[in-house]
Amino acid sequence: NAVAVTGSYFVFDILPMEALQPEFKCKPLQERKVILNAVFKASERYNGAPLTRVLKSNYYVVNSTEEIWAYYNQVRADKLEGLIVKDPKGLWQKKRTFDWMKIKAVESSDLRIIGAFEGEGEMEGTLGGLIVDHSGVSVRVGTGFSEVLRATIWAMFLRDLAKSSDPETKDYELIGNLAEIEYQ
């Protein structure tokens, strides 16, 4: 087994163990950031040097939507994924809220279809998703299909499977075509 010898762990928030309890009332993000800064300062004094692999995530305070988009464009130009915009008065919750919003680019690639797979549960007997080739790697894509499109593609795939038993047939309906795949 390989052991990682490089890498860093970025800390972006701090919560007490009590946060796992249902009745926990947490402090707003801006107060948690003050506590996080104090913990990192204390660790420097305790260790005699700053932590080298455990790092505090950078964060920036912005005052407008325009500033958010300017910073987003900067991180994308640096080939980073995107941003998480947080309300400084927001409380941490064990669920998705509008206090934390991800801003990520939607990318798109045209990839060759090399197969399909059947759905599970409610989607058994119809298309679960496509299998596409991405630079020599088989990738499963299973979202973004309407019920009608799932049925249509699955029927095409089943006809392709029937043709694949005949070595003379190369006239596939689905296999070999390109699919535009959007992803984040």
N, C-alpha and C. Protein backbone atom coordinates (compact mmCIF):
# COMPACT_ATOMS: atom_id res chain seq x y z
N ASN A 1 0.84 -1.19 0.00
CA ASN A 1 0.00 0.00 0.00
C ASN A 1 0.88 1.25 0.00
N ALA A 2 0.54 2.16 -0.89
CA ALA A 2 1.29 3.42 -0.99
C ALA A 2 0.88 4.35 0.15
N VAL A 3 1.84 5.09 0.63
CA VAL A 3 1.59 6.06 1.68
C VAL A 3 1.81 7.45 1.10
N ALA A 4 0.85 8.34 1.31
CA ALA A 4 0.99 9.71 0.81
C ALA A 4 2.09 10.41 1.60
N VAL A 5 3.00 11.04 0.89
CA VAL A 5 4.09 11.75 1.56
C VAL A 5 3.97 13.25 1.35
N THR A 6 3.06 13.66 0.50
CA THR A 6 2.81 15.08 0.30
C THR A 6 1.32 15.33 0.40
N GLY A 7 0.97 16.56 0.53
CA GLY A 7 -0.43 16.94 0.62
C GLY A 7 -0.65 17.81 1.83
N SER A 8 -1.74 18.50 1.81
CA SER A 8 -2.09 19.40 2.91
C SER A 8 -3.55 19.20 3.27
N TYR A 9 -3.86 19.46 4.52
CA TYR A 9 -5.22 19.39 5.03
C TYR A 9 -5.66 20.82 5.33
N PHE A 10 -6.67 21.31 4.61
CA PHE A 10 -7.14 22.68 4.79
C PHE A 10 -8.34 22.70 5.71
N VAL A 11 -8.27 23.53 6.74
CA VAL A 11 -9.35 23.67 7.72
C VAL A 11 -10.08 24.98 7.41
N PHE A 12 -11.40 24.90 7.23
CA PHE A 12 -12.15 26.10 6.87
C PHE A 12 -13.16 26.50 7.93
N ASP A 13 -13.38 25.66 8.93
CA ASP A 13 -14.37 25.96 9.97
C ASP A 13 -14.01 25.17 11.21
N ILE A 14 -14.63 25.53 12.32
CA ILE A 14 -14.39 24.80 13.57
C ILE A 14 -15.70 24.73 14.34
N LEU A 15 -15.96 23.54 14.87
CA LEU A 15 -17.16 23.30 15.66
C LEU A 15 -16.81 22.43 16.85
N PRO A 16 -17.50 22.62 17.97
CA PRO A 16 -17.27 21.74 19.11
C PRO A 16 -17.96 20.39 18.88
N MET A 17 -17.58 19.39 19.63
CA MET A 17 -18.19 18.06 19.52
C MET A 17 -19.70 18.12 19.76
N GLU A 18 -20.14 19.08 20.56
CA GLU A 18 -21.58 19.20 20.85
C GLU A 18 -22.40 19.48 19.59
N ALA A 19 -21.73 19.89 18.51
CA ALA A 19 -22.44 20.21 17.26
C ALA A 19 -23.17 18.99 16.72
N LEU A 20 -22.78 17.79 17.14
CA LEU A 20 -23.44 16.57 16.68
C LEU A 20 -24.75 16.30 17.42
N GLN A 21 -25.02 17.07 18.48
CA GLN A 21 -26.24 16.89 19.25
C GLN A 21 -27.39 17.65 18.57
N PRO A 22 -28.62 17.12 18.61
CA PRO A 22 -29.74 17.74 17.91
C PRO A 22 -30.06 19.17 18.37
N GLU A 23 -29.92 19.46 19.64
CA GLU A 23 -30.31 20.77 20.16
C GLU A 23 -29.18 21.80 20.11
N PHE A 24 -28.07 21.47 19.49
CA PHE A 24 -26.91 22.35 19.47
C PHE A 24 -27.22 23.68 18.80
N LYS A 25 -26.86 24.77 19.45
CA LYS A 25 -26.97 26.12 18.89
C LYS A 25 -25.56 26.61 18.63
N CYS A 26 -25.20 26.78 17.39
CA CYS A 26 -23.83 27.15 17.08
C CYS A 26 -23.67 28.66 16.97
N LYS A 27 -22.43 29.10 17.04
CA LYS A 27 -22.10 30.50 16.87
C LYS A 27 -22.12 30.84 15.37
N PRO A 28 -22.35 32.11 15.02
CA PRO A 28 -22.29 32.50 13.61
C PRO A 28 -20.88 32.28 13.05
N LEU A 29 -20.80 32.14 11.73
CA LEU A 29 -19.53 31.87 11.05
C LEU A 29 -18.45 32.88 11.44
N GLN A 30 -18.77 34.15 11.49
CA GLN A 30 -17.74 35.16 11.79
C GLN A 30 -17.13 34.93 13.17
N GLU A 31 -17.91 34.46 14.14
CA GLU A 31 -17.37 34.14 15.47
C GLU A 31 -16.54 32.85 15.43
N ARG A 32 -16.97 31.88 14.63
CA ARG A 32 -16.21 30.63 14.50
C ARG A 32 -14.86 30.89 13.84
N LYS A 33 -14.79 31.84 12.92
CA LYS A 33 -13.52 32.19 12.28
C LYS A 33 -12.54 32.77 13.31
N VAL A 34 -13.03 33.57 14.25
CA VAL A 34 -12.18 34.12 15.30
C VAL A 34 -11.61 32.98 16.15
N ILE A 35 -12.46 32.01 16.50
CA ILE A 35 -12.00 30.86 17.29
C ILE A 35 -10.97 30.05 16.49
N LEU A 36 -11.23 29.83 15.22
CA LEU A 36 -10.31 29.08 14.36
C LEU A 36 -8.95 29.76 14.30
N ASN A 37 -8.93 31.07 14.14
CA ASN A 37 -7.67 31.82 14.13
C ASN A 37 -6.92 31.64 15.44
N ALA A 38 -7.64 31.67 16.55
CA ALA A 38 -7.01 31.51 17.87
C ALA A 38 -6.42 30.11 18.03
N VAL A 39 -7.11 29.09 17.53
CA VAL A 39 -6.60 27.72 17.61
C VAL A 39 -5.30 27.59 16.83
N PHE A 40 -5.24 28.18 15.64
CA PHE A 40 -4.01 28.11 14.84
C PHE A 40 -2.89 28.89 15.50
N LYS A 41 -3.19 30.04 16.09
CA LYS A 41 -2.17 30.82 16.82
C LYS A 41 -1.63 30.01 17.99
N ALA A 42 -2.53 29.37 18.74
CA ALA A 42 -2.11 28.57 19.90
C ALA A 42 -1.25 27.40 19.45
N SER A 43 -1.55 26.79 18.31
CA SER A 43 -0.76 25.65 17.85
C SER A 43 0.65 26.09 17.49
N GLU A 44 0.82 27.31 16.99
CA GLU A 44 2.16 27.82 16.69
C GLU A 44 2.97 27.95 17.98
N ARG A 45 2.33 28.46 19.03
CA ARG A 45 3.04 28.61 20.32
C ARG A 45 3.35 27.25 20.93
N TYR A 46 2.41 26.32 20.82
CA TYR A 46 2.59 25.00 21.42
C TYR A 46 3.70 24.21 20.71
N ASN A 47 3.68 24.23 19.39
CA ASN A 47 4.67 23.47 18.62
C ASN A 47 5.97 24.23 18.43
N GLY A 48 5.96 25.50 18.67
CA GLY A 48 7.15 26.31 18.44
C GLY A 48 7.32 26.73 16.99
N ALA A 49 6.44 26.23 16.12
CA ALA A 49 6.51 26.59 14.71
C ALA A 49 5.11 26.42 14.11
N PRO A 50 4.84 27.09 13.03
CA PRO A 50 3.51 26.92 12.42
C PRO A 50 3.34 25.49 11.89
N LEU A 51 2.10 25.06 11.83
CA LEU A 51 1.82 23.74 11.25
C LEU A 51 2.19 23.79 9.77
N THR A 52 2.77 22.72 9.25
CA THR A 52 3.20 22.74 7.85
C THR A 52 2.23 22.02 6.93
N ARG A 53 1.50 21.03 7.41
CA ARG A 53 0.59 20.28 6.55
C ARG A 53 -0.88 20.54 6.87
N VAL A 54 -1.15 21.09 8.03
CA VAL A 54 -2.51 21.46 8.39
C VAL A 54 -2.59 22.97 8.26
N LEU A 55 -3.38 23.42 7.31
CA LEU A 55 -3.41 24.84 6.98
C LEU A 55 -4.81 25.40 7.12
N LYS A 56 -4.87 26.67 7.43
CA LYS A 56 -6.15 27.35 7.52
C LYS A 56 -6.50 27.85 6.13
N SER A 57 -7.70 27.54 5.70
CA SER A 57 -8.18 27.96 4.39
C SER A 57 -8.27 29.48 4.33
N ASN A 58 -7.93 30.05 3.19
CA ASN A 58 -8.12 31.48 3.01
C ASN A 58 -9.60 31.79 2.86
N TYR A 59 -9.99 32.94 3.33
CA TYR A 59 -11.35 33.41 3.07
C TYR A 59 -11.30 34.92 2.89
N TYR A 60 -12.26 35.39 2.15
CA TYR A 60 -12.29 36.81 1.82
C TYR A 60 -13.67 37.36 2.09
N VAL A 61 -13.72 38.56 2.61
CA VAL A 61 -14.99 39.24 2.85
C VAL A 61 -15.26 40.12 1.63
N VAL A 62 -16.43 39.96 1.06
CA VAL A 62 -16.82 40.77 -0.10
C VAL A 62 -18.06 41.57 0.27
N ASN A 63 -18.27 42.63 -0.46
CA ASN A 63 -19.36 43.54 -0.14
C ASN A 63 -20.41 43.65 -1.23
N SER A 64 -20.25 42.88 -2.31
CA SER A 64 -21.24 42.96 -3.39
C SER A 64 -21.19 41.70 -4.24
N THR A 65 -22.25 41.54 -5.01
CA THR A 65 -22.31 40.43 -5.95
C THR A 65 -21.21 40.57 -6.99
N GLU A 66 -20.92 41.79 -7.39
CA GLU A 66 -19.86 42.03 -8.38
C GLU A 66 -18.51 41.54 -7.87
N GLU A 67 -18.22 41.76 -6.58
CA GLU A 67 -16.96 41.29 -6.00
C GLU A 67 -16.90 39.75 -5.99
N ILE A 68 -18.03 39.12 -5.71
CA ILE A 68 -18.07 37.65 -5.73
C ILE A 68 -17.71 37.15 -7.12
N TRP A 69 -18.33 37.72 -8.16
CA TRP A 69 -18.08 37.25 -9.53
C TRP A 69 -16.66 37.58 -9.97
N ALA A 70 -16.12 38.71 -9.54
CA ALA A 70 -14.73 39.04 -9.90
C ALA A 70 -13.79 38.01 -9.27
N TYR A 71 -14.02 37.65 -8.01
CA TYR A 71 -13.17 36.67 -7.35
C TYR A 71 -13.35 35.29 -7.98
N TYR A 72 -14.59 34.94 -8.32
CA TYR A 72 -14.87 33.67 -8.99
C TYR A 72 -14.08 33.59 -10.31
N ASN A 73 -14.13 34.63 -11.10
CA ASN A 73 -13.40 34.64 -12.38
C ASN A 73 -11.89 34.50 -12.15
N GLN A 74 -11.40 35.08 -11.07
CA GLN A 74 -9.96 34.96 -10.74
C GLN A 74 -9.59 33.51 -10.40
N VAL A 75 -10.38 32.85 -9.57
CA VAL A 75 -10.05 31.46 -9.20
C VAL A 75 -10.21 30.52 -10.39
N ARG A 76 -11.16 30.78 -11.28
CA ARG A 76 -11.30 29.96 -12.48
C ARG A 76 -10.11 30.15 -13.41
N ALA A 77 -9.61 31.40 -13.51
CA ALA A 77 -8.43 31.67 -14.33
C ALA A 77 -7.21 30.94 -13.77
N ASP A 78 -7.20 30.72 -12.46
CA ASP A 78 -6.12 29.97 -11.80
C ASP A 78 -6.36 28.46 -11.86
N LYS A 79 -7.35 28.03 -12.65
CA LYS A 79 -7.68 26.61 -12.86
C LYS A 79 -8.24 25.93 -11.61
N LEU A 80 -8.87 26.72 -10.73
CA LEU A 80 -9.53 26.15 -9.55
C LEU A 80 -11.01 25.93 -9.86
N GLU A 81 -11.65 25.11 -9.04
CA GLU A 81 -13.01 24.67 -9.32
C GLU A 81 -14.06 25.75 -9.17
N GLY A 82 -13.97 26.55 -8.14
CA GLY A 82 -14.99 27.56 -7.90
C GLY A 82 -14.93 28.09 -6.49
N LEU A 83 -16.06 28.57 -6.02
CA LEU A 83 -16.15 29.20 -4.69
C LEU A 83 -17.27 28.59 -3.87
N ILE A 84 -17.15 28.78 -2.56
CA ILE A 84 -18.29 28.58 -1.67
C ILE A 84 -18.50 29.93 -0.99
N VAL A 85 -19.66 30.49 -1.22
CA VAL A 85 -20.01 31.80 -0.66
C VAL A 85 -20.81 31.54 0.60
N LYS A 86 -20.38 32.16 1.71
CA LYS A 86 -21.01 31.90 2.99
C LYS A 86 -21.50 33.20 3.62
N ASP A 87 -22.60 33.12 4.31
CA ASP A 87 -23.13 34.25 5.07
C ASP A 87 -22.35 34.33 6.38
N PRO A 88 -21.66 35.47 6.66
CA PRO A 88 -20.87 35.56 7.90
C PRO A 88 -21.71 35.42 9.16
N LYS A 89 -23.00 35.70 9.06
CA LYS A 89 -23.88 35.55 10.23
C LYS A 89 -24.57 34.18 10.24
N GLY A 90 -24.25 33.37 9.24
CA GLY A 90 -24.89 32.07 9.10
C GLY A 90 -24.47 31.08 10.18
N LEU A 91 -25.41 30.23 10.54
CA LEU A 91 -25.17 29.20 11.54
C LEU A 91 -24.93 27.87 10.84
N TRP A 92 -24.00 27.06 11.37
CA TRP A 92 -23.75 25.75 10.81
C TRP A 92 -24.94 24.87 11.09
N GLN A 93 -25.39 24.12 10.08
CA GLN A 93 -26.50 23.20 10.24
C GLN A 93 -26.15 21.88 9.57
N LYS A 94 -26.74 20.80 10.06
CA LYS A 94 -26.48 19.48 9.48
C LYS A 94 -27.38 19.23 8.28
N LYS A 95 -27.50 20.21 7.41
CA LYS A 95 -28.30 20.07 6.20
C LYS A 95 -27.90 21.19 5.24
N ARG A 96 -28.35 21.08 4.00
CA ARG A 96 -28.07 22.13 3.01
C ARG A 96 -28.92 23.36 3.34
N THR A 97 -28.27 24.50 3.27
CA THR A 97 -29.00 25.75 3.49
C THR A 97 -28.48 26.80 2.50
N PHE A 98 -29.17 27.93 2.45
CA PHE A 98 -28.72 29.03 1.60
C PHE A 98 -27.60 29.83 2.25
N ASP A 99 -27.18 29.45 3.47
CA ASP A 99 -26.05 30.13 4.13
C ASP A 99 -24.72 29.79 3.46
N TRP A 100 -24.66 28.66 2.76
CA TRP A 100 -23.46 28.24 2.01
C TRP A 100 -23.92 27.94 0.59
N MET A 101 -23.36 28.65 -0.38
CA MET A 101 -23.73 28.43 -1.77
C MET A 101 -22.48 28.15 -2.60
N LYS A 102 -22.49 27.04 -3.34
CA LYS A 102 -21.38 26.70 -4.23
C LYS A 102 -21.58 27.42 -5.56
N ILE A 103 -20.48 27.93 -6.09
CA ILE A 103 -20.47 28.48 -7.45
C ILE A 103 -19.41 27.69 -8.20
N LYS A 104 -19.86 26.84 -9.12
CA LYS A 104 -18.93 26.00 -9.90
C LYS A 104 -19.31 26.11 -11.37
N ALA A 105 -18.31 26.01 -12.21
CA ALA A 105 -18.54 26.06 -13.65
C ALA A 105 -19.14 24.75 -14.13
N VAL A 106 -19.98 24.84 -15.13
CA VAL A 106 -20.48 23.65 -15.81
C VAL A 106 -19.60 23.47 -17.04
N GLU A 107 -18.93 22.34 -17.10
CA GLU A 107 -18.06 22.01 -18.22
C GLU A 107 -18.83 21.10 -19.17
N SER A 108 -18.34 20.96 -20.39
CA SER A 108 -19.01 20.13 -21.39
C SER A 108 -17.95 19.45 -22.26
N SER A 109 -18.18 18.17 -22.58
CA SER A 109 -17.30 17.43 -23.49
C SER A 109 -18.16 16.53 -24.37
N ASP A 110 -17.73 16.36 -25.62
CA ASP A 110 -18.34 15.38 -26.50
C ASP A 110 -17.56 14.08 -26.36
N LEU A 111 -18.23 13.03 -25.86
CA LEU A 111 -17.55 11.77 -25.58
C LEU A 111 -18.25 10.63 -26.32
N ARG A 112 -17.45 9.66 -26.77
CA ARG A 112 -17.96 8.53 -27.52
C ARG A 112 -18.68 7.56 -26.60
N ILE A 113 -19.90 7.14 -27.01
CA ILE A 113 -20.69 6.18 -26.24
C ILE A 113 -20.14 4.78 -26.51
N ILE A 114 -19.79 4.07 -25.43
CA ILE A 114 -19.26 2.71 -25.58
C ILE A 114 -20.18 1.65 -24.96
N GLY A 115 -21.26 2.11 -24.32
CA GLY A 115 -22.18 1.16 -23.72
C GLY A 115 -23.26 1.88 -22.94
N ALA A 116 -24.05 1.09 -22.24
CA ALA A 116 -25.11 1.61 -21.38
C ALA A 116 -25.29 0.61 -20.25
N PHE A 117 -25.98 1.05 -19.22
CA PHE A 117 -26.26 0.12 -18.12
C PHE A 117 -27.71 0.29 -17.68
N GLU A 118 -28.26 -0.81 -17.17
CA GLU A 118 -29.65 -0.83 -16.74
C GLU A 118 -29.81 -0.13 -15.39
N GLY A 119 -30.96 0.53 -15.24
CA GLY A 119 -31.26 1.19 -13.98
C GLY A 119 -31.57 0.20 -12.88
N GLU A 120 -31.61 0.70 -11.67
CA GLU A 120 -31.93 -0.13 -10.51
C GLU A 120 -33.19 0.39 -9.85
N GLY A 121 -33.82 -0.45 -9.03
CA GLY A 121 -35.02 -0.03 -8.30
C GLY A 121 -36.13 0.37 -9.26
N GLU A 122 -36.62 1.59 -9.13
CA GLU A 122 -37.71 2.08 -9.98
C GLU A 122 -37.32 2.14 -11.46
N MET A 123 -36.02 2.23 -11.74
CA MET A 123 -35.57 2.35 -13.12
C MET A 123 -35.15 1.01 -13.72
N GLU A 124 -35.41 -0.08 -13.01
CA GLU A 124 -35.08 -1.40 -13.55
C GLU A 124 -35.86 -1.62 -14.84
N GLY A 125 -35.20 -2.18 -15.86
CA GLY A 125 -35.85 -2.42 -17.14
C GLY A 125 -35.76 -1.25 -18.09
N THR A 126 -35.06 -0.21 -17.70
CA THR A 126 -34.85 0.94 -18.57
C THR A 126 -33.41 1.43 -18.39
N LEU A 127 -33.08 2.49 -19.06
CA LEU A 127 -31.71 3.02 -19.00
C LEU A 127 -31.37 3.54 -17.61
N GLY A 128 -30.25 3.05 -17.08
CA GLY A 128 -29.70 3.64 -15.86
C GLY A 128 -28.75 4.76 -16.24
N GLY A 129 -28.02 4.58 -17.34
CA GLY A 129 -27.11 5.61 -17.83
C GLY A 129 -26.26 5.10 -18.97
N LEU A 130 -25.47 6.01 -19.49
CA LEU A 130 -24.55 5.69 -20.58
C LEU A 130 -23.16 5.40 -20.03
N ILE A 131 -22.39 4.66 -20.79
CA ILE A 131 -20.96 4.48 -20.50
C ILE A 131 -20.24 5.16 -21.66
N VAL A 132 -19.39 6.12 -21.34
CA VAL A 132 -18.68 6.89 -22.36
C VAL A 132 -17.18 6.73 -22.15
N ASP A 133 -16.43 6.98 -23.21
CA ASP A 133 -14.97 6.90 -23.15
C ASP A 133 -14.43 8.31 -22.94
N HIS A 134 -13.71 8.50 -21.84
CA HIS A 134 -13.05 9.78 -21.57
C HIS A 134 -11.55 9.52 -21.49
N SER A 135 -10.85 9.78 -22.57
CA SER A 135 -9.39 9.59 -22.64
C SER A 135 -8.98 8.17 -22.25
N GLY A 136 -9.72 7.19 -22.75
CA GLY A 136 -9.38 5.80 -22.47
C GLY A 136 -9.95 5.24 -21.19
N VAL A 137 -10.73 6.03 -20.46
CA VAL A 137 -11.34 5.59 -19.21
C VAL A 137 -12.86 5.49 -19.41
N SER A 138 -13.44 4.37 -19.01
CA SER A 138 -14.90 4.21 -19.09
C SER A 138 -15.55 4.97 -17.94
N VAL A 139 -16.47 5.86 -18.30
CA VAL A 139 -17.14 6.70 -17.30
C VAL A 139 -18.64 6.49 -17.42
N ARG A 140 -19.28 6.27 -16.27
CA ARG A 140 -20.73 6.08 -16.23
C ARG A 140 -21.41 7.44 -16.03
N VAL A 141 -22.40 7.72 -16.87
CA VAL A 141 -23.15 8.97 -16.80
C VAL A 141 -24.61 8.60 -16.63
N GLY A 142 -25.20 8.94 -15.49
CA GLY A 142 -26.55 8.46 -15.22
C GLY A 142 -27.58 9.51 -14.87
N THR A 143 -27.30 10.77 -15.10
CA THR A 143 -28.30 11.79 -14.75
C THR A 143 -28.60 12.67 -15.95
N GLY A 144 -29.73 13.39 -15.87
CA GLY A 144 -30.09 14.33 -16.92
C GLY A 144 -30.99 13.75 -17.99
N PHE A 145 -31.51 12.54 -17.80
CA PHE A 145 -32.36 11.90 -18.79
C PHE A 145 -33.82 11.98 -18.35
N SER A 146 -34.70 12.37 -19.26
CA SER A 146 -36.14 12.29 -18.98
C SER A 146 -36.56 10.82 -19.09
N GLU A 147 -37.79 10.49 -18.64
CA GLU A 147 -38.28 9.11 -18.75
C GLU A 147 -38.37 8.69 -20.21
N VAL A 148 -38.84 9.59 -21.07
CA VAL A 148 -38.99 9.27 -22.49
C VAL A 148 -37.61 9.02 -23.11
N LEU A 149 -36.64 9.88 -22.79
CA LEU A 149 -35.29 9.71 -23.34
C LEU A 149 -34.66 8.42 -22.83
N ARG A 150 -34.88 8.10 -21.55
CA ARG A 150 -34.36 6.83 -21.01
C ARG A 150 -34.90 5.64 -21.80
N ALA A 151 -36.21 5.64 -22.05
CA ALA A 151 -36.83 4.53 -22.78
C ALA A 151 -36.30 4.46 -24.21
N THR A 152 -36.16 5.61 -24.86
CA THR A 152 -35.68 5.64 -26.25
C THR A 152 -34.25 5.13 -26.35
N ILE A 153 -33.37 5.63 -25.49
CA ILE A 153 -31.96 5.22 -25.52
C ILE A 153 -31.82 3.74 -25.15
N TRP A 154 -32.60 3.28 -24.18
CA TRP A 154 -32.52 1.88 -23.77
C TRP A 154 -32.93 0.97 -24.92
N ALA A 155 -33.98 1.34 -25.65
CA ALA A 155 -34.41 0.54 -26.80
C ALA A 155 -33.32 0.51 -27.86
N MET A 156 -32.66 1.63 -28.12
CA MET A 156 -31.55 1.67 -29.08
C MET A 156 -30.43 0.75 -28.63
N PHE A 157 -30.10 0.80 -27.34
CA PHE A 157 -29.02 -0.03 -26.80
C PHE A 157 -29.36 -1.51 -26.93
N LEU A 158 -30.60 -1.88 -26.62
CA LEU A 158 -30.99 -3.30 -26.73
C LEU A 158 -30.90 -3.77 -28.18
N ARG A 159 -31.28 -2.91 -29.14
CA ARG A 159 -31.14 -3.29 -30.55
C ARG A 159 -29.66 -3.44 -30.91
N ASP A 160 -28.79 -2.54 -30.38
CA ASP A 160 -27.35 -2.66 -30.61
C ASP A 160 -26.82 -3.97 -30.04
N LEU A 161 -27.29 -4.35 -28.86
CA LEU A 161 -26.85 -5.62 -28.26
C LEU A 161 -27.24 -6.80 -29.15
N ALA A 162 -28.44 -6.77 -29.71
CA ALA A 162 -28.88 -7.86 -30.58
C ALA A 162 -28.01 -7.92 -31.83
N LYS A 163 -27.62 -6.77 -32.36
CA LYS A 163 -26.76 -6.73 -33.55
C LYS A 163 -25.34 -7.19 -33.24
N SER A 164 -24.90 -7.01 -32.00
CA SER A 164 -23.50 -7.32 -31.67
C SER A 164 -23.21 -8.81 -31.76
N SER A 165 -24.25 -9.67 -31.75
CA SER A 165 -24.01 -11.11 -31.88
C SER A 165 -23.69 -11.49 -33.32
N ASP A 166 -23.97 -10.59 -34.26
CA ASP A 166 -23.67 -10.83 -35.67
C ASP A 166 -22.40 -10.07 -36.03
N PRO A 167 -21.28 -10.78 -36.28
CA PRO A 167 -20.00 -10.10 -36.54
C PRO A 167 -20.01 -9.23 -37.79
N GLU A 168 -20.96 -9.46 -38.72
CA GLU A 168 -21.04 -8.66 -39.94
C GLU A 168 -21.68 -7.30 -39.69
N THR A 169 -22.42 -7.15 -38.61
CA THR A 169 -23.16 -5.92 -38.36
C THR A 169 -22.29 -4.90 -37.64
N LYS A 170 -22.21 -3.74 -38.24
CA LYS A 170 -21.49 -2.63 -37.59
C LYS A 170 -22.38 -1.40 -37.56
N ASP A 171 -23.65 -1.58 -37.90
CA ASP A 171 -24.57 -0.46 -38.03
C ASP A 171 -25.31 -0.23 -36.71
N TYR A 172 -24.58 0.26 -35.71
CA TYR A 172 -25.18 0.48 -34.40
C TYR A 172 -25.93 1.80 -34.37
N GLU A 173 -26.99 1.82 -33.57
CA GLU A 173 -27.79 3.04 -33.40
C GLU A 173 -27.20 3.95 -32.32
N LEU A 174 -26.66 3.36 -31.29
CA LEU A 174 -26.19 4.13 -30.13
C LEU A 174 -24.68 4.06 -29.97
N ILE A 175 -24.15 2.85 -29.92
CA ILE A 175 -22.71 2.64 -29.68
C ILE A 175 -21.91 3.34 -30.78
N GLY A 176 -20.89 4.07 -30.36
CA GLY A 176 -20.02 4.76 -31.31
C GLY A 176 -20.40 6.19 -31.56
N ASN A 177 -21.62 6.58 -31.21
CA ASN A 177 -22.04 7.97 -31.38
C ASN A 177 -21.44 8.84 -30.28
N LEU A 178 -21.46 10.14 -30.51
CA LEU A 178 -20.98 11.08 -29.50
C LEU A 178 -22.14 11.57 -28.65
N ALA A 179 -21.88 11.77 -27.38
CA ALA A 179 -22.85 12.36 -26.47
C ALA A 179 -22.21 13.59 -25.85
N GLU A 180 -22.94 14.69 -25.80
CA GLU A 180 -22.43 15.87 -25.11
C GLU A 180 -22.74 15.68 -23.62
N ILE A 181 -21.69 15.66 -22.83
CA ILE A 181 -21.81 15.42 -21.39
C ILE A 181 -21.46 16.70 -20.65
N GLU A 182 -22.39 17.16 -19.83
CA GLU A 182 -22.12 18.32 -18.97
C GLU A 182 -21.80 17.82 -17.57
N TYR A 183 -20.83 18.46 -16.93
CA TYR A 183 -20.40 18.03 -15.60
C TYR A 183 -19.83 19.21 -14.83
N GLN A 184 -19.71 19.01 -13.54
CA GLN A 184 -19.07 20.01 -12.68
C GLN A 184 -17.89 19.38 -12.01
